[in-house]
Amino acid sequence: MQTVLSGIRPTGNLHLGNYFGAVKNFIKMQEDNNCFFFIADYHSLTTHPKPEDLQENVRKVLSEYLACGLDPEKSTIYIQSDMPQVAELYLLLGMNAYVGELERTTTFKEKIRKQPENVNAGLLTYAVLMAADILIHNAHKVPVGKDQEQHLEMTKKFAKRFNQIYGVDFFNIPDAYNFGENLVKVPGLDGSGKMGKSEGNAISLIDDPKDIRKKVMKAVTDAGPVEKNQTKPEVIENLFSLMKLVSAKDTIDFFNDKYNSCEIRYGDLKKQLAEDVIAFTTPVRERIMDIYNDTDYLNKVMKMGKEKAIESGSKTINEVRKIIGFRPFY
């Protein structure tokens, strides 16, 4: 059984794109792998969150992932800052990471451009901390998006460098976990190709019916078809793609027929889509709120995850210390 690790950023709420994209695959992934899912609160410190916001965001994101189906009995779900071993490995790996290679990472250069007033050391060494997250459990596979591919390559580089420097074959060289055809691309409501938090085009799982209706009714459309059976433009195909995720087949067929006969009324389509989204998200939203309000259960999950993560991480860091040459003087 291979070890798979994935980080969860404690920012924003899960939306339909997250759910149909990564989260559903995480749920399947935990059935056949030794999975570690961690909430990356150390990483979030580069944006200087307020203490109360940091704690609240951790509770929210943990509640959402548990409500969607991550199982603390099947996987290790933990808070990054609950595991001191990852901070030590971050320090040790950083001793063999070079400023030039860190400055050349795409994400660091992008951050310099977007936030020149906050170019902190955490941003520069972000790839080192991500490598520590992965290597602390000696993971074989890591699900990564396009924006994190370079960081995974850096992790491979640091793992190989450690093995070469100390003449060992200790760290696995992790590869990307490929979801293949199972990775669903969910379009945004603004007519763009992808739903995302920063784009402001998303429907969150926690949104109430009023907000969902408001968002969907503002979805971008066009003037309507002018010829029968004409090809749908991207903004309209996007709405039908969303409908395929949450609506019944006869509903989709009905509006397809209306479009192909040039009789479609986008207002009717969006009203139906909004109701179907509400029907889909309501039970998830209710589970999220039930879990969020169950402090005892959340504390139990976090304690269980912390213990399992520390047990795994301690084995790694103890071996790393021996390989480097640290010895107790007592």
C-alpha atoms as a PDB file:
ATOM      1  CA  MET A   1       0.000   0.000   0.000  1.00  0.00           C
ATOM      2  CA  GLN A   2       1.475   3.348  -1.034  1.00  0.00           C
ATOM      3  CA  THR A   3       1.488   6.447   1.149  1.00  0.00           C
ATOM      4  CA  VAL A   4      -0.332   9.463  -0.311  1.00  0.00           C
ATOM      5  CA  LEU A   5      -0.244  12.962   1.163  1.00  0.00           C
ATOM      6  CA  SER A   6      -2.327  16.024   0.396  1.00  0.00           C
ATOM      7  CA  GLY A   7      -2.425  19.446   1.992  1.00  0.00           C
ATOM      8  CA  ILE A   8      -5.587  21.465   2.583  1.00  0.00           C
ATOM      9  CA  ARG A   9      -5.350  25.244   2.733  1.00  0.00           C
ATOM     10  CA  PRO A  10      -7.424  26.791   5.550  1.00  0.00           C
ATOM     11  CA  THR A  11      -8.694  29.628   3.351  1.00  0.00           C
ATOM     12  CA  GLY A  12     -12.195  30.140   2.005  1.00  0.00           C
ATOM     13  CA  ASN A  13     -14.958  27.573   1.730  1.00  0.00           C
ATOM     14  CA  LEU A  14     -15.167  24.468  -0.414  1.00  0.00           C
ATOM     15  CA  HIS A  15     -17.114  25.050  -3.609  1.00  0.00           C
ATOM     16  CA  LEU A  16     -18.637  22.759  -6.229  1.00  0.00           C
ATOM     17  CA  GLY A  17     -15.390  22.835  -8.204  1.00  0.00           C
ATOM     18  CA  ASN A  18     -13.445  21.535  -5.207  1.00  0.00           C
ATOM     19  CA  TYR A  19     -16.056  18.888  -4.480  1.00  0.00           C
ATOM     20  CA  PHE A  20     -16.393  17.400  -7.952  1.00  0.00           C
ATOM     21  CA  GLY A  21     -12.710  17.880  -8.642  1.00  0.00           C
ATOM     22  CA  ALA A  22     -10.340  16.893  -5.835  1.00  0.00           C
ATOM     23  CA  VAL A  23     -12.558  16.010  -2.868  1.00  0.00           C
ATOM     24  CA  LYS A  24     -14.504  13.172  -4.500  1.00  0.00           C
ATOM     25  CA  ASN A  25     -11.188  11.684  -5.589  1.00  0.00           C
ATOM     26  CA  PHE A  26      -9.763  12.061  -2.079  1.00  0.00           C
ATOM     27  CA  ILE A  27     -12.692  10.025  -0.778  1.00  0.00           C
ATOM     28  CA  LYS A  28     -11.960   7.237  -3.269  1.00  0.00           C
ATOM     29  CA  MET A  29      -8.232   7.508  -2.697  1.00  0.00           C
ATOM     30  CA  GLN A  30      -8.473   6.744   1.030  1.00  0.00           C
ATOM     31  CA  GLU A  31      -9.994   3.330   0.292  1.00  0.00           C
ATOM     32  CA  ASP A  32      -6.830   1.890  -1.275  1.00  0.00           C
ATOM     33  CA  ASN A  33      -3.961   3.982   0.105  1.00  0.00           C
ATOM     34  CA  ASN A  34      -2.334   5.044   3.349  1.00  0.00           C
ATOM     35  CA  CYS A  35      -3.570   8.637   3.180  1.00  0.00           C
ATOM     36  CA  PHE A  36      -2.446  11.690   5.131  1.00  0.00           C
ATOM     37  CA  PHE A  37      -4.528  14.867   4.817  1.00  0.00           C
ATOM     38  CA  PHE A  38      -3.253  17.902   6.689  1.00  0.00           C
ATOM     39  CA  ILE A  39      -4.605  21.415   7.143  1.00  0.00           C
ATOM     40  CA  ALA A  40      -1.726  23.683   6.197  1.00  0.00           C
ATOM     41  CA  ASP A  41      -1.958  26.367   8.860  1.00  0.00           C
ATOM     42  CA  TYR A  42       1.822  26.974   8.864  1.00  0.00           C
ATOM     43  CA  HIS A  43       1.652  27.840   5.168  1.00  0.00           C
ATOM     44  CA  SER A  44      -1.151  30.328   5.774  1.00  0.00           C
ATOM     45  CA  LEU A  45       1.097  32.411   8.055  1.00  0.00           C
ATOM     46  CA  THR A  46       2.699  34.032   5.001  1.00  0.00           C
ATOM     47  CA  THR A  47      -0.487  36.147   4.777  1.00  0.00           C
ATOM     48  CA  HIS A  48      -0.404  37.078   8.502  1.00  0.00           C
ATOM     49  CA  PRO A  49      -3.916  35.954   9.546  1.00  0.00           C
ATOM     50  CA  LYS A  50      -5.336  37.081  12.880  1.00  0.00           C
ATOM     51  CA  PRO A  51      -5.159  34.338  15.562  1.00  0.00           C
ATOM     52  CA  GLU A  52      -8.934  34.090  15.866  1.00  0.00           C
ATOM     53  CA  ASP A  53      -9.311  33.870  12.069  1.00  0.00           C
ATOM     54  CA  LEU A  54      -6.666  31.146  11.824  1.00  0.00           C
ATOM     55  CA  GLN A  55      -8.406  28.961  14.412  1.00  0.00           C
ATOM     56  CA  GLU A  56     -11.824  29.577  12.875  1.00  0.00           C
ATOM     57  CA  ASN A  57     -10.613  28.720   9.373  1.00  0.00           C
ATOM     58  CA  VAL A  58      -9.134  25.448  10.592  1.00  0.00           C
ATOM     59  CA  ARG A  59     -12.448  24.449  12.189  1.00  0.00           C
ATOM     60  CA  LYS A  60     -14.378  25.403   9.066  1.00  0.00           C
ATOM     61  CA  VAL A  61     -12.227  23.549   6.566  1.00  0.00           C
ATOM     62  CA  LEU A  62     -12.001  20.473   8.786  1.00  0.00           C
ATOM     63  CA  SER A  63     -15.794  20.404   9.144  1.00  0.00           C
ATOM     64  CA  GLU A  64     -16.261  20.702   5.394  1.00  0.00           C
ATOM     65  CA  TYR A  65     -13.896  17.901   4.450  1.00  0.00           C
ATOM     66  CA  LEU A  66     -15.340  15.584   7.080  1.00  0.00           C
ATOM     67  CA  ALA A  67     -18.863  16.373   5.864  1.00  0.00           C
ATOM     68  CA  CYS A  68     -17.828  15.553   2.297  1.00  0.00           C
ATOM     69  CA  GLY A  69     -16.572  12.116   3.278  1.00  0.00           C
ATOM     70  CA  LEU A  70     -12.990  12.133   4.531  1.00  0.00           C
ATOM     71  CA  ASP A  71     -12.918   9.456   7.209  1.00  0.00           C
ATOM     72  CA  PRO A  72     -10.580   9.820  10.227  1.00  0.00           C
ATOM     73  CA  GLU A  73     -10.787   6.047  10.724  1.00  0.00           C
ATOM     74  CA  LYS A  74      -9.481   5.364   7.209  1.00  0.00           C
ATOM     75  CA  SER A  75      -7.085   8.296   6.825  1.00  0.00           C
ATOM     76  CA  THR A  76      -4.843  10.422   9.018  1.00  0.00           C
ATOM     77  CA  ILE A  77      -6.376  13.903   9.117  1.00  0.00           C
ATOM     78  CA  TYR A  78      -4.325  16.367  11.133  1.00  0.00           C
ATOM     79  CA  ILE A  79      -3.368  19.999  11.663  1.00  0.00           C
ATOM     80  CA  GLN A  80       0.087  20.888  10.344  1.00  0.00           C
ATOM     81  CA  SER A  81       1.030  22.902  13.435  1.00  0.00           C
ATOM     82  CA  ASP A  82       0.149  19.939  15.698  1.00  0.00           C
ATOM     83  CA  MET A  83       3.187  18.139  14.338  1.00  0.00           C
ATOM     84  CA  PRO A  84       6.535  19.655  15.478  1.00  0.00           C
ATOM     85  CA  GLN A  85       8.467  17.089  13.439  1.00  0.00           C
ATOM     86  CA  VAL A  86       7.552  18.841  10.194  1.00  0.00           C
ATOM     87  CA  ALA A  87       9.063  22.104  11.463  1.00  0.00           C
ATOM     88  CA  GLU A  88      12.315  20.326  12.330  1.00  0.00           C
ATOM     89  CA  LEU A  89      12.504  18.639   8.928  1.00  0.00           C
ATOM     90  CA  TYR A  90      11.797  22.020   7.307  1.00  0.00           C
ATOM     91  CA  LEU A  91      14.843  23.411   9.095  1.00  0.00           C
ATOM     92  CA  LEU A  92      17.055  20.449   8.181  1.00  0.00           C
ATOM     93  CA  LEU A  93      16.043  20.434   4.511  1.00  0.00           C
ATOM     94  CA  GLY A  94      16.525  24.191   4.383  1.00  0.00           C
ATOM     95  CA  MET A  95      20.222  23.765   5.179  1.00  0.00           C
ATOM     96  CA  ASN A  96      20.642  22.157   1.750  1.00  0.00           C
ATOM     97  CA  ALA A  97      18.273  24.428  -0.186  1.00  0.00           C
ATOM     98  CA  TYR A  98      19.888  27.244  -2.117  1.00  0.00           C
ATOM     99  CA  VAL A  99      18.638  30.812  -2.351  1.00  0.00           C
ATOM    100  CA  GLY A 100      19.030  30.942  -6.119  1.00  0.00           C
ATOM    101  CA  GLU A 101      16.818  27.937  -6.775  1.00  0.00           C
ATOM    102  CA  LEU A 102      14.177  29.180  -4.343  1.00  0.00           C
ATOM    103  CA  GLU A 103      14.124  32.630  -5.943  1.00  0.00           C
ATOM    104  CA  ARG A 104      13.526  31.032  -9.352  1.00  0.00           C
ATOM    105  CA  THR A 105      10.314  29.248  -8.349  1.00  0.00           C
ATOM    106  CA  THR A 106       7.355  30.512 -10.339  1.00  0.00           C
ATOM    107  CA  THR A 107       5.103  31.036  -7.333  1.00  0.00           C
ATOM    108  CA  PHE A 108       7.724  33.123  -5.495  1.00  0.00           C
ATOM    109  CA  LYS A 109       8.255  35.362  -8.526  1.00  0.00           C
ATOM    110  CA  GLU A 110       4.497  35.746  -8.849  1.00  0.00           C
ATOM    111  CA  LYS A 111       4.144  36.702  -5.183  1.00  0.00           C
ATOM    112  CA  ILE A 112       6.884  39.338  -5.559  1.00  0.00           C
ATOM    113  CA  ARG A 113       4.937  40.834  -8.437  1.00  0.00           C
ATOM    114  CA  LYS A 114       1.517  40.710  -6.753  1.00  0.00           C
ATOM    115  CA  GLN A 115       2.468  41.680  -3.186  1.00  0.00           C
ATOM    116  CA  PRO A 116       5.788  43.577  -3.193  1.00  0.00           C
ATOM    117  CA  GLU A 117       4.967  44.936   0.263  1.00  0.00           C
ATOM    118  CA  ASN A 118       4.977  41.437   1.805  1.00  0.00           C
ATOM    119  CA  VAL A 119       7.892  39.443   0.401  1.00  0.00           C
ATOM    120  CA  ASN A 120       8.709  37.412   3.497  1.00  0.00           C
ATOM    121  CA  ALA A 121      11.092  34.520   4.110  1.00  0.00           C
ATOM    122  CA  GLY A 122       8.145  32.133   4.381  1.00  0.00           C
ATOM    123  CA  LEU A 123       7.274  32.813   0.751  1.00  0.00           C
ATOM    124  CA  LEU A 124      10.880  32.259  -0.301  1.00  0.00           C
ATOM    125  CA  THR A 125      11.088  28.920   1.525  1.00  0.00           C
ATOM    126  CA  TYR A 126       7.515  27.814   0.790  1.00  0.00           C
ATOM    127  CA  ALA A 127       8.807  24.960  -1.384  1.00  0.00           C
ATOM    128  CA  VAL A 128      11.027  23.724   1.469  1.00  0.00           C
ATOM    129  CA  LEU A 129       8.108  23.560   3.901  1.00  0.00           C
ATOM    130  CA  MET A 130       6.010  21.780   1.293  1.00  0.00           C
ATOM    131  CA  ALA A 131       8.839  19.281   0.831  1.00  0.00           C
ATOM    132  CA  ALA A 132       8.957  18.739   4.594  1.00  0.00           C
ATOM    133  CA  ASP A 133       5.194  18.099   4.619  1.00  0.00           C
ATOM    134  CA  ILE A 134       5.609  15.392   1.994  1.00  0.00           C
ATOM    135  CA  LEU A 135       8.852  13.811   3.130  1.00  0.00           C
ATOM    136  CA  ILE A 136       7.955  13.677   6.839  1.00  0.00           C
ATOM    137  CA  HIS A 137       5.723  10.718   5.950  1.00  0.00           C
ATOM    138  CA  ASN A 138       8.008   9.546   3.113  1.00  0.00           C
ATOM    139  CA  ALA A 139       5.050   9.775   0.745  1.00  0.00           C
ATOM    140  CA  HIS A 140       5.018   7.954  -2.580  1.00  0.00           C
ATOM    141  CA  LYS A 141       2.315  10.054  -4.230  1.00  0.00           C
ATOM    142  CA  VAL A 142       1.045  13.633  -3.945  1.00  0.00           C
ATOM    143  CA  PRO A 143      -2.080  15.011  -5.646  1.00  0.00           C
ATOM    144  CA  VAL A 144      -1.037  18.409  -7.013  1.00  0.00           C
ATOM    145  CA  GLY A 145      -2.638  21.060  -9.178  1.00  0.00           C
ATOM    146  CA  LYS A 146      -0.864  22.897 -11.969  1.00  0.00           C
ATOM    147  CA  ASP A 147       0.216  25.669  -9.591  1.00  0.00           C
ATOM    148  CA  GLN A 148       2.018  23.176  -7.331  1.00  0.00           C
ATOM    149  CA  GLU A 149       3.791  21.012  -9.927  1.00  0.00           C
ATOM    150  CA  GLN A 150       7.040  22.951  -9.604  1.00  0.00           C
ATOM    151  CA  HIS A 151       6.974  22.555  -5.817  1.00  0.00           C
ATOM    152  CA  LEU A 152       6.681  18.789  -6.230  1.00  0.00           C
ATOM    153  CA  GLU A 153       9.698  18.893  -8.529  1.00  0.00           C
ATOM    154  CA  MET A 154      11.543  20.810  -5.820  1.00  0.00           C
ATOM    155  CA  THR A 155      10.557  18.134  -3.302  1.00  0.00           C
ATOM    156  CA  LYS A 156      12.052  15.474  -5.573  1.00  0.00           C
ATOM    157  CA  LYS A 157      15.212  17.552  -5.843  1.00  0.00           C
ATOM    158  CA  PHE A 158      15.532  17.956  -2.059  1.00  0.00           C
ATOM    159  CA  ALA A 159      14.895  14.240  -1.459  1.00  0.00           C
ATOM    160  CA  LYS A 160      17.525  13.220  -4.027  1.00  0.00           C
ATOM    161  CA  ARG A 161      19.978  15.778  -2.667  1.00  0.00           C
ATOM    162  CA  PHE A 162      19.590  14.474   0.891  1.00  0.00           C
ATOM    163  CA  ASN A 163      20.085  10.878  -0.268  1.00  0.00           C
ATOM    164  CA  GLN A 164      23.182  11.853  -2.287  1.00  0.00           C
ATOM    165  CA  ILE A 165      24.794  14.028   0.398  1.00  0.00           C
ATOM    166  CA  TYR A 166      24.512  11.325   3.052  1.00  0.00           C
ATOM    167  CA  GLY A 167      24.973   8.314   0.787  1.00  0.00           C
ATOM    168  CA  VAL A 168      21.641   6.743   1.645  1.00  0.00           C
ATOM    169  CA  ASP A 169      18.483   5.626  -0.105  1.00  0.00           C
ATOM    170  CA  PHE A 170      16.169   6.871   2.603  1.00  0.00           C
ATOM    171  CA  PHE A 171      13.670   9.295   1.110  1.00  0.00           C
ATOM    172  CA  ASN A 172      11.226   8.112  -1.505  1.00  0.00           C
ATOM    173  CA  ILE A 173      11.139  10.254  -4.630  1.00  0.00           C
ATOM    174  CA  PRO A 174       7.438  11.195  -4.713  1.00  0.00           C
ATOM    175  CA  ASP A 175       5.384  11.374  -7.888  1.00  0.00           C
ATOM    176  CA  ALA A 176       2.169  13.197  -8.708  1.00  0.00           C
ATOM    177  CA  TYR A 177      -1.013  11.250  -7.994  1.00  0.00           C
ATOM    178  CA  ASN A 178      -2.840  11.182 -11.304  1.00  0.00           C
ATOM    179  CA  PHE A 179      -6.620  11.145 -11.088  1.00  0.00           C
ATOM    180  CA  GLY A 180      -6.816  10.760 -14.865  1.00  0.00           C
ATOM    181  CA  GLU A 181     -10.330  10.862 -16.273  1.00  0.00           C
ATOM    182  CA  ASN A 182     -11.793  11.046 -12.766  1.00  0.00           C
ATOM    183  CA  LEU A 183     -10.701  14.677 -12.362  1.00  0.00           C
ATOM    184  CA  VAL A 184     -13.759  16.750 -13.260  1.00  0.00           C
ATOM    185  CA  LYS A 185     -13.305  20.350 -14.406  1.00  0.00           C
ATOM    186  CA  VAL A 186     -16.191  22.449 -13.065  1.00  0.00           C
ATOM    187  CA  PRO A 187     -16.845  25.725 -14.946  1.00  0.00           C
ATOM    188  CA  GLY A 188     -17.368  29.063 -13.253  1.00  0.00           C
ATOM    189  CA  LEU A 189     -20.558  31.126 -13.300  1.00  0.00           C
ATOM    190  CA  ASP A 190     -18.826  34.002 -15.087  1.00  0.00           C
ATOM    191  CA  GLY A 191     -18.454  32.013 -18.287  1.00  0.00           C
ATOM    192  CA  SER A 192     -14.819  31.134 -17.620  1.00  0.00           C
ATOM    193  CA  GLY A 193     -13.429  27.646 -17.872  1.00  0.00           C
ATOM    194  CA  LYS A 194     -12.908  26.972 -14.160  1.00  0.00           C
ATOM    195  CA  MET A 195     -14.727  27.605 -10.898  1.00  0.00           C
ATOM    196  CA  GLY A 196     -12.456  29.142  -8.271  1.00  0.00           C
ATOM    197  CA  LYS A 197     -12.482  31.100  -5.006  1.00  0.00           C
ATOM    198  CA  SER A 198     -10.299  33.965  -6.193  1.00  0.00           C
ATOM    199  CA  GLU A 199     -12.258  34.376  -9.420  1.00  0.00           C
ATOM    200  CA  GLY A 200     -15.486  35.106  -7.528  1.00  0.00           C
ATOM    201  CA  ASN A 201     -17.413  32.718  -9.780  1.00  0.00           C
ATOM    202  CA  ALA A 202     -18.036  29.867  -7.349  1.00  0.00           C
ATOM    203  CA  ILE A 203     -20.941  28.286  -5.498  1.00  0.00           C
ATOM    204  CA  SER A 204     -19.786  27.283  -2.017  1.00  0.00           C
ATOM    205  CA  LEU A 205     -21.103  24.144  -0.357  1.00  0.00           C
ATOM    206  CA  ILE A 206     -22.010  26.269   2.648  1.00  0.00           C
ATOM    207  CA  ASP A 207     -24.033  28.831   0.645  1.00  0.00           C
ATOM    208  CA  ASP A 208     -27.674  29.113   1.668  1.00  0.00           C
ATOM    209  CA  PRO A 209     -30.488  28.844  -0.936  1.00  0.00           C
ATOM    210  CA  LYS A 210     -30.908  32.614  -1.194  1.00  0.00           C
ATOM    211  CA  ASP A 211     -27.235  33.126  -2.048  1.00  0.00           C
ATOM    212  CA  ILE A 212     -27.237  30.240  -4.528  1.00  0.00           C
ATOM    213  CA  ARG A 213     -30.246  31.632  -6.392  1.00  0.00           C
ATOM    214  CA  LYS A 214     -28.642  35.069  -6.508  1.00  0.00           C
ATOM    215  CA  LYS A 215     -25.344  33.724  -7.831  1.00  0.00           C
ATOM    216  CA  VAL A 216     -26.865  31.432 -10.455  1.00  0.00           C
ATOM    217  CA  MET A 217     -29.255  34.073 -11.780  1.00  0.00           C
ATOM    218  CA  LYS A 218     -26.231  36.329 -12.397  1.00  0.00           C
ATOM    219  CA  ALA A 219     -24.479  33.627 -14.444  1.00  0.00           C
ATOM    220  CA  VAL A 220     -23.230  34.860 -17.811  1.00  0.00           C
ATOM    221  CA  THR A 221     -25.267  33.946 -20.904  1.00  0.00           C
ATOM    222  CA  ASP A 222     -25.607  35.231 -24.475  1.00  0.00           C
ATOM    223  CA  ALA A 223     -28.471  36.552 -26.623  1.00  0.00           C
ATOM    224  CA  GLY A 224     -29.661  33.033 -27.393  1.00  0.00           C
ATOM    225  CA  PRO A 225     -29.424  30.682 -30.382  1.00  0.00           C
ATOM    226  CA  VAL A 226     -30.341  31.989 -33.826  1.00  0.00           C
ATOM    227  CA  GLU A 227     -30.219  28.677 -35.708  1.00  0.00           C
ATOM    228  CA  LYS A 228     -31.611  25.289 -34.816  1.00  0.00           C
ATOM    229  CA  ASN A 229     -29.107  22.736 -33.471  1.00  0.00           C
ATOM    230  CA  GLN A 230     -26.281  25.265 -33.477  1.00  0.00           C
ATOM    231  CA  THR A 231     -23.174  24.608 -31.379  1.00  0.00           C
ATOM    232  CA  LYS A 232     -23.396  26.111 -27.906  1.00  0.00           C
ATOM    233  CA  PRO A 233     -20.867  28.860 -27.113  1.00  0.00           C
ATOM    234  CA  GLU A 234     -18.627  28.306 -24.072  1.00  0.00           C
ATOM    235  CA  VAL A 235     -20.701  30.433 -21.669  1.00  0.00           C
ATOM    236  CA  ILE A 236     -23.810  28.336 -22.420  1.00  0.00           C
ATOM    237  CA  GLU A 237     -21.988  25.015 -22.515  1.00  0.00           C
ATOM    238  CA  ASN A 238     -20.669  25.879 -19.052  1.00  0.00           C
ATOM    239  CA  LEU A 239     -24.221  26.146 -17.674  1.00  0.00           C
ATOM    240  CA  PHE A 240     -25.137  22.804 -19.196  1.00  0.00           C
ATOM    241  CA  SER A 241     -21.929  21.305 -17.730  1.00  0.00           C
ATOM    242  CA  LEU A 242     -23.017  22.460 -14.274  1.00  0.00           C
ATOM    243  CA  MET A 243     -26.463  21.029 -14.887  1.00  0.00           C
ATOM    244  CA  LYS A 244     -24.964  17.638 -15.784  1.00  0.00           C
ATOM    245  CA  LEU A 245     -23.438  17.512 -12.283  1.00  0.00           C
ATOM    246  CA  VAL A 246     -26.581  18.260 -10.269  1.00  0.00           C
ATOM    247  CA  SER A 247     -29.683  17.822 -12.456  1.00  0.00           C
ATOM    248  CA  ALA A 248     -31.737  14.837 -13.613  1.00  0.00           C
ATOM    249  CA  LYS A 249     -31.258  13.605 -17.175  1.00  0.00           C
ATOM    250  CA  ASP A 250     -34.782  14.520 -18.235  1.00  0.00           C
ATOM    251  CA  THR A 251     -34.175  18.094 -17.041  1.00  0.00           C
ATOM    252  CA  ILE A 252     -30.995  18.335 -19.109  1.00  0.00           C
ATOM    253  CA  ASP A 253     -32.736  16.809 -22.133  1.00  0.00           C
ATOM    254  CA  PHE A 254     -35.611  19.284 -21.811  1.00  0.00           C
ATOM    255  CA  PHE A 255     -33.375  22.351 -21.926  1.00  0.00           C
ATOM    256  CA  ASN A 256     -31.187  20.838 -24.635  1.00  0.00           C
ATOM    257  CA  ASP A 257     -34.291  20.405 -26.788  1.00  0.00           C
ATOM    258  CA  LYS A 258     -35.364  23.973 -26.038  1.00  0.00           C
ATOM    259  CA  TYR A 259     -31.925  25.251 -27.032  1.00  0.00           C
ATOM    260  CA  ASN A 260     -31.802  23.214 -30.231  1.00  0.00           C
ATOM    261  CA  SER A 261     -35.250  24.484 -31.256  1.00  0.00           C
ATOM    262  CA  CYS A 262     -34.311  28.124 -30.432  1.00  0.00           C
ATOM    263  CA  GLU A 263     -37.047  28.243 -27.788  1.00  0.00           C
ATOM    264  CA  ILE A 264     -34.849  28.341 -24.707  1.00  0.00           C
ATOM    265  CA  ARG A 265     -35.368  30.954 -22.009  1.00  0.00           C
ATOM    266  CA  TYR A 266     -32.166  31.317 -20.017  1.00  0.00           C
ATOM    267  CA  GLY A 267     -34.059  32.664 -17.021  1.00  0.00           C
ATOM    268  CA  ASP A 268     -35.983  29.392 -16.781  1.00  0.00           C
ATOM    269  CA  LEU A 269     -32.798  27.361 -17.187  1.00  0.00           C
ATOM    270  CA  LYS A 270     -31.023  29.284 -14.439  1.00  0.00           C
ATOM    271  CA  LYS A 271     -33.993  29.032 -12.084  1.00  0.00           C
ATOM    272  CA  GLN A 272     -34.021  25.255 -12.538  1.00  0.00           C
ATOM    273  CA  LEU A 273     -30.245  25.014 -12.175  1.00  0.00           C
ATOM    274  CA  ALA A 274     -30.379  27.017  -8.941  1.00  0.00           C
ATOM    275  CA  GLU A 275     -33.022  24.704  -7.458  1.00  0.00           C
ATOM    276  CA  ASP A 276     -31.022  21.619  -8.471  1.00  0.00           C
ATOM    277  CA  VAL A 277     -27.862  23.040  -6.917  1.00  0.00           C
ATOM    278  CA  ILE A 278     -29.800  23.774  -3.729  1.00  0.00           C
ATOM    279  CA  ALA A 279     -31.169  20.231  -3.628  1.00  0.00           C
ATOM    280  CA  PHE A 280     -27.637  18.883  -4.046  1.00  0.00           C
ATOM    281  CA  THR A 281     -25.856  21.132  -1.539  1.00  0.00           C
ATOM    282  CA  THR A 282     -28.469  21.295   1.234  1.00  0.00           C
ATOM    283  CA  PRO A 283     -27.664  17.908   2.829  1.00  0.00           C
ATOM    284  CA  VAL A 284     -23.939  18.669   2.579  1.00  0.00           C
ATOM    285  CA  ARG A 285     -24.415  22.101   4.149  1.00  0.00           C
ATOM    286  CA  GLU A 286     -26.442  20.574   6.972  1.00  0.00           C
ATOM    287  CA  ARG A 287     -23.717  17.978   7.652  1.00  0.00           C
ATOM    288  CA  ILE A 288     -21.091  20.723   7.661  1.00  0.00           C
ATOM    289  CA  MET A 289     -23.014  22.729  10.245  1.00  0.00           C
ATOM    290  CA  ASP A 290     -23.691  19.661  12.410  1.00  0.00           C
ATOM    291  CA  ILE A 291     -19.990  18.795  12.482  1.00  0.00           C
ATOM    292  CA  TYR A 292     -18.893  22.420  12.935  1.00  0.00           C
ATOM    293  CA  ASN A 293     -21.120  22.749  15.995  1.00  0.00           C
ATOM    294  CA  ASP A 294     -19.935  19.446  17.491  1.00  0.00           C
ATOM    295  CA  THR A 295     -16.799  20.656  19.255  1.00  0.00           C
ATOM    296  CA  ASP A 296     -16.246  17.349  21.038  1.00  0.00           C
ATOM    297  CA  TYR A 297     -16.202  15.440  17.753  1.00  0.00           C
ATOM    298  CA  LEU A 298     -13.855  17.928  16.084  1.00  0.00           C
ATOM    299  CA  ASN A 299     -11.484  17.768  19.045  1.00  0.00           C
ATOM    300  CA  LYS A 300     -11.577  13.971  18.907  1.00  0.00           C
ATOM    301  CA  VAL A 301     -10.716  13.970  15.193  1.00  0.00           C
ATOM    302  CA  MET A 302      -7.880  16.446  15.683  1.00  0.00           C
ATOM    303  CA  LYS A 303      -6.455  14.489  18.635  1.00  0.00           C
ATOM    304  CA  MET A 304      -6.640  11.207  16.737  1.00  0.00           C
ATOM    305  CA  GLY A 305      -4.987  12.756  13.686  1.00  0.00           C
ATOM    306  CA  LYS A 306      -2.263  14.388  15.747  1.00  0.00           C
ATOM    307  CA  GLU A 307      -1.332  11.106  17.419  1.00  0.00           C
ATOM    308  CA  LYS A 308      -1.189   9.176  14.151  1.00  0.00           C
ATOM    309  CA  ALA A 309       0.739  11.926  12.347  1.00  0.00           C
ATOM    310  CA  ILE A 310       3.309  12.270  15.148  1.00  0.00           C
ATOM    311  CA  GLU A 311       3.820   8.509  15.262  1.00  0.00           C
ATOM    312  CA  SER A 312       4.592   8.504  11.532  1.00  0.00           C
ATOM    313  CA  GLY A 313       6.648  11.707  11.579  1.00  0.00           C
ATOM    314  CA  SER A 314       8.713  10.676  14.612  1.00  0.00           C
ATOM    315  CA  LYS A 315       9.980   7.576  12.818  1.00  0.00           C
ATOM    316  CA  THR A 316      11.117   9.724   9.893  1.00  0.00           C
ATOM    317  CA  ILE A 317      12.744  12.525  11.873  1.00  0.00           C
ATOM    318  CA  ASN A 318      14.556  10.132  14.224  1.00  0.00           C
ATOM    319  CA  GLU A 319      16.082   8.322  11.253  1.00  0.00           C
ATOM    320  CA  VAL A 320      16.966  11.620   9.552  1.00  0.00           C
ATOM    321  CA  ARG A 321      18.757  12.807  12.693  1.00  0.00           C
ATOM    322  CA  LYS A 322      20.789   9.594  12.820  1.00  0.00           C
ATOM    323  CA  ILE A 323      21.690   9.862   9.124  1.00  0.00           C
ATOM    324  CA  ILE A 324      22.840  13.490   9.521  1.00  0.00           C
ATOM    325  CA  GLY A 325      24.947  12.573  12.527  1.00  0.00           C
ATOM    326  CA  PHE A 326      23.086  13.919  15.515  1.00  0.00           C
ATOM    327  CA  ARG A 327      23.691  11.794  18.592  1.00  0.00           C
ATOM    328  CA  PRO A 328      22.436  12.283  22.157  1.00  0.00           C
ATOM    329  CA  PHE A 329      25.163  13.332  24.625  1.00  0.00           C
ATOM    330  CA  TYR A 330      23.626  11.510  27.576  1.00  0.00           C
END
